[in-house]
Protein backbone atom coordinates (compact mmCIF):
# COMPACT_ATOMS: atom_id res chain seq x y z
CA MET A 1 66.37 139.81 71.83
CA THR A 2 67.76 136.82 69.89
CA ILE A 3 65.97 133.48 70.18
CA VAL A 4 68.06 130.25 69.38
CA VAL A 5 66.29 126.95 68.51
CA ILE A 6 68.37 123.82 69.62
CA ALA A 7 67.39 120.27 68.97
CA ASP A 8 68.85 117.80 71.37
CA ALA A 9 68.36 114.13 71.01
CA ASN A 10 68.05 113.73 74.90
CA LYS A 11 66.17 116.96 75.59
CA GLY A 12 64.13 117.53 72.38
CA VAL A 13 63.75 120.86 70.85
CA GLY A 14 64.11 123.95 72.91
CA LEU A 15 63.93 127.73 72.62
CA TYR A 16 66.78 129.59 74.44
CA SER A 17 67.72 133.26 74.44
CA LEU A 18 71.39 134.12 73.54
CA CYS A 19 71.77 135.34 77.06
CA THR A 20 70.77 132.12 78.58
CA LEU A 21 73.09 130.16 76.34
CA ARG A 22 76.10 132.53 77.39
CA PHE A 23 75.13 131.87 80.98
CA VAL A 24 75.05 128.04 80.55
CA ALA A 25 78.26 127.97 78.48
CA ALA A 26 80.01 130.15 81.13
CA ARG A 27 78.82 127.80 83.94
CA GLU A 28 79.92 124.56 82.11
CA LYS A 29 83.33 126.13 81.45
CA LYS A 30 83.70 127.08 85.18
CA LYS A 31 82.70 123.45 86.19
CA MET A 32 85.38 122.16 83.83
CA GLU A 33 88.13 124.41 85.41
CA GLY A 34 87.42 123.37 88.80
CA GLY A 35 84.57 125.73 89.88
CA SER A 36 86.06 127.89 92.72
CA GLY A 37 89.04 129.10 90.89
CA GLU A 38 91.29 126.16 91.78
CA LYS A 39 94.09 125.29 89.36
CA TRP A 40 93.93 121.89 88.08
CA LYS A 41 96.85 119.76 86.70
CA SER A 42 96.23 116.97 84.20
CA VAL A 43 98.21 113.86 83.90
CA TYR A 44 97.71 111.32 81.13
CA ARG A 45 98.00 107.61 82.32
CA GLU A 46 97.70 104.28 80.57
CA CYS A 47 96.67 104.05 77.01
CA LEU A 48 93.00 102.71 76.59
CA ARG A 49 93.12 102.39 72.83
CA ASN A 50 91.27 99.23 71.56
CA HIS A 51 93.63 97.75 68.89
CA ALA A 52 91.40 94.86 68.33
CA ALA A 53 88.11 96.81 67.76
CA SER A 54 88.02 95.88 64.00
CA LEU A 55 88.11 92.10 65.00
CA GLY A 56 85.07 92.60 67.64
CA SER A 57 87.55 92.07 70.53
CA TYR A 58 89.38 94.13 73.06
CA ALA A 59 93.04 94.51 73.22
CA THR A 60 95.34 97.24 74.54
CA ASP A 61 98.84 97.79 73.96
CA GLY A 62 100.06 97.92 77.60
CA CYS A 63 101.47 101.49 77.46
CA GLY A 64 101.44 102.66 81.10
CA GLU A 65 101.75 106.29 80.72
CA PHE A 66 101.70 109.00 78.06
CA THR A 67 105.11 110.01 77.19
CA VAL A 68 105.54 113.44 75.29
CA ASP A 69 106.92 113.00 72.02
CA GLY A 70 108.77 116.42 71.32
CA GLY A 71 105.74 118.71 72.29
CA GLY A 72 103.39 116.86 70.07
CA LEU A 73 100.22 114.97 70.85
CA GLN A 74 101.51 111.63 69.92
CA CYS A 75 102.89 109.23 72.58
CA ALA A 76 106.42 108.45 72.27
CA ALA A 77 105.88 105.00 73.80
CA CYS A 78 102.97 103.61 71.85
CA GLY A 79 102.29 106.10 68.97
CA CYS A 80 98.69 106.76 69.91
CA HIS A 81 97.20 110.19 70.33
CA ARG A 82 97.08 111.81 73.78
CA ASN A 83 93.17 111.34 73.87
CA PHE A 84 93.53 107.63 74.05
CA HIS A 85 95.32 107.92 77.36
CA ARG A 86 93.32 108.15 80.54
CA LYS A 87 93.13 111.62 81.87
CA VAL A 88 93.60 112.28 85.64
CA LYS A 89 92.92 115.74 86.99
CA TYR A 90 93.85 116.92 90.45
CA PRO A 91 93.83 120.28 92.12
CA VAL A 92 97.10 122.01 92.78
CA GLY A 93 97.83 125.02 94.76
CA PRO A 94 99.95 126.67 97.48
CA GLU A 95 100.61 124.16 100.29
CA SER A 96 99.07 125.26 103.51
CA PRO A 97 101.09 124.57 106.62
CA GLY A 98 99.63 121.53 108.57
CA GLY A 99 97.02 121.17 105.77
CA MET A 100 96.50 118.66 102.99
CA ASP A 101 98.81 118.59 100.09
CA TYR A 102 96.84 117.12 96.97
CA GLY A 103 99.94 116.86 94.66
CA GLY A 104 101.47 113.52 94.11
CA GLU A 105 101.01 110.85 91.61
CA GLY A 106 97.77 110.15 89.96
CA GLY A 107 95.75 112.72 92.14
CA SER A 108 96.29 110.52 95.35
CA LYS A 109 95.70 112.57 98.47
CA LYS A 110 98.82 112.66 100.41
CA ARG A 111 98.71 114.79 103.44
CA PHE A 112 101.44 116.88 104.89
CA ARG A 113 103.30 115.04 107.61
CA SER A 114 104.71 116.96 110.61
CA LYS A 115 108.32 116.35 111.59
CA PHE A 116 109.44 117.18 115.08
CA SER A 117 112.97 117.58 116.42
CA THR A 118 114.04 115.52 119.61
CA ASP A 119 114.05 118.66 121.50
CA GLN A 120 110.47 119.47 120.49
CA LYS A 121 109.29 115.75 121.29
CA GLU A 122 110.85 115.99 124.73
CA LYS A 123 109.06 119.29 125.53
CA MET A 124 105.66 118.20 124.16
CA LEU A 125 106.01 114.98 126.19
CA ALA A 126 106.82 116.82 129.43
CA PHE A 127 104.03 119.49 128.76
CA ALA A 128 101.39 116.77 127.82
CA GLU A 129 102.15 114.96 131.10
CA LYS A 130 101.89 118.18 133.05
CA LEU A 131 98.41 118.71 131.51
CA GLY A 132 97.27 115.28 132.10
CA TRP A 133 97.14 114.39 128.42
CA LYS A 134 94.00 116.78 128.02
CA LEU A 135 93.59 120.26 126.54
CA GLN A 136 90.23 120.83 127.81
CA ARG A 137 91.17 123.07 130.64
CA LYS A 138 90.11 126.69 129.65
CA ASP A 139 92.15 128.30 132.57
CA LEU A 140 95.33 127.08 130.85
CA ASP A 141 94.63 128.38 127.23
CA ASP A 142 97.26 131.25 127.49
CA GLU A 143 99.75 128.86 128.76
CA ILE A 144 99.27 126.33 126.07
CA GLU A 145 99.28 128.80 123.39
CA ARG A 146 102.56 130.38 124.76
CA PHE A 147 104.05 126.85 124.87
CA CYS A 148 102.97 125.95 121.33
CA ARG A 149 104.65 129.49 120.04
CA SER A 150 107.71 128.72 122.11
CA ILE A 151 108.36 125.34 120.40
CA GLY A 152 107.16 126.31 116.99
CA VAL A 153 103.97 124.33 116.41
CA SER A 154 100.26 125.20 116.15
CA ARG A 155 97.83 124.22 118.84
CA GLN A 156 96.05 121.92 116.56
CA VAL A 157 99.34 120.11 115.70
CA PHE A 158 100.05 119.78 119.43
CA LYS A 159 96.55 118.55 120.01
CA VAL A 160 96.95 115.81 117.31
CA TRP A 161 100.30 114.92 118.61
CA MET A 162 98.97 114.43 122.10
CA HIS A 163 96.09 112.34 120.90
CA ASN A 164 98.53 110.13 118.84
CA HIS A 165 100.86 109.69 121.75
CA LYS A 166 98.88 109.54 124.92
CA ASN A 167 98.59 105.78 124.98
CA SER A 168 102.00 105.01 123.94
CA SER A 169 103.69 107.41 126.49
CA SER A 170 101.50 106.40 129.36
CA SER A 171 102.22 102.75 128.72
CA SER A 172 105.86 103.35 128.46
CA SER A 173 105.95 105.24 131.87
CA ALA A 174 103.86 102.41 133.40
CA SER A 175 106.32 99.66 132.01
CA ALA A 176 109.23 101.71 133.32
CA SER A 177 107.93 101.76 136.73
CA ALA A 178 106.94 98.06 136.58
CA SER A 179 110.57 97.23 135.65
CA THR A 180 112.02 99.12 138.78
CA GLY A 181 109.56 97.16 140.89
CA ASN A 182 107.21 99.87 141.64
CA ILE A 183 103.84 97.89 141.43
CA SER A 184 101.79 100.56 143.25
CA SER A 185 101.50 102.82 140.25
CA LEU A 186 100.03 99.87 138.17
CA THR A 187 97.36 99.16 140.88
CA HIS A 188 95.94 102.75 141.07
């Protein structure tokens, strides 16, 4: 067994086996790569180089984003090395339907937004009113699943749509009955 002596300013002197060092190095590498096998994309943003450091002050050049200069590591806009630019990492991967898409600019979390056709909206509105704007009835589970398959949305997407539209749809039907002079629907 090979023993390695490591002197660290923060941790002092330590004795480590070569096997332990390999394990720690592999763990650190996995952390840097994203841990669970996720792929990461790096984007280099504004330049943080202090051009007035020799004067004892702080001044940046205002370069907003690293621009590749023919495949090199120098920024075409400001001439600084890529390491002076702020690095932003974010996970990328296959987009799951109805899930979160973590692409976008600067690692901002932008979710996938469902878009419904007019026909789908009308059918969902009619079915939601039939259900009383609740999905809690277990005896209708098969009917709800059949309905969702027939219009091409998942049960979860339909549930969220119902939650988002229950107040606006019930108020529009109440205002429509009020405009026709039927006040009895508002008093019950």
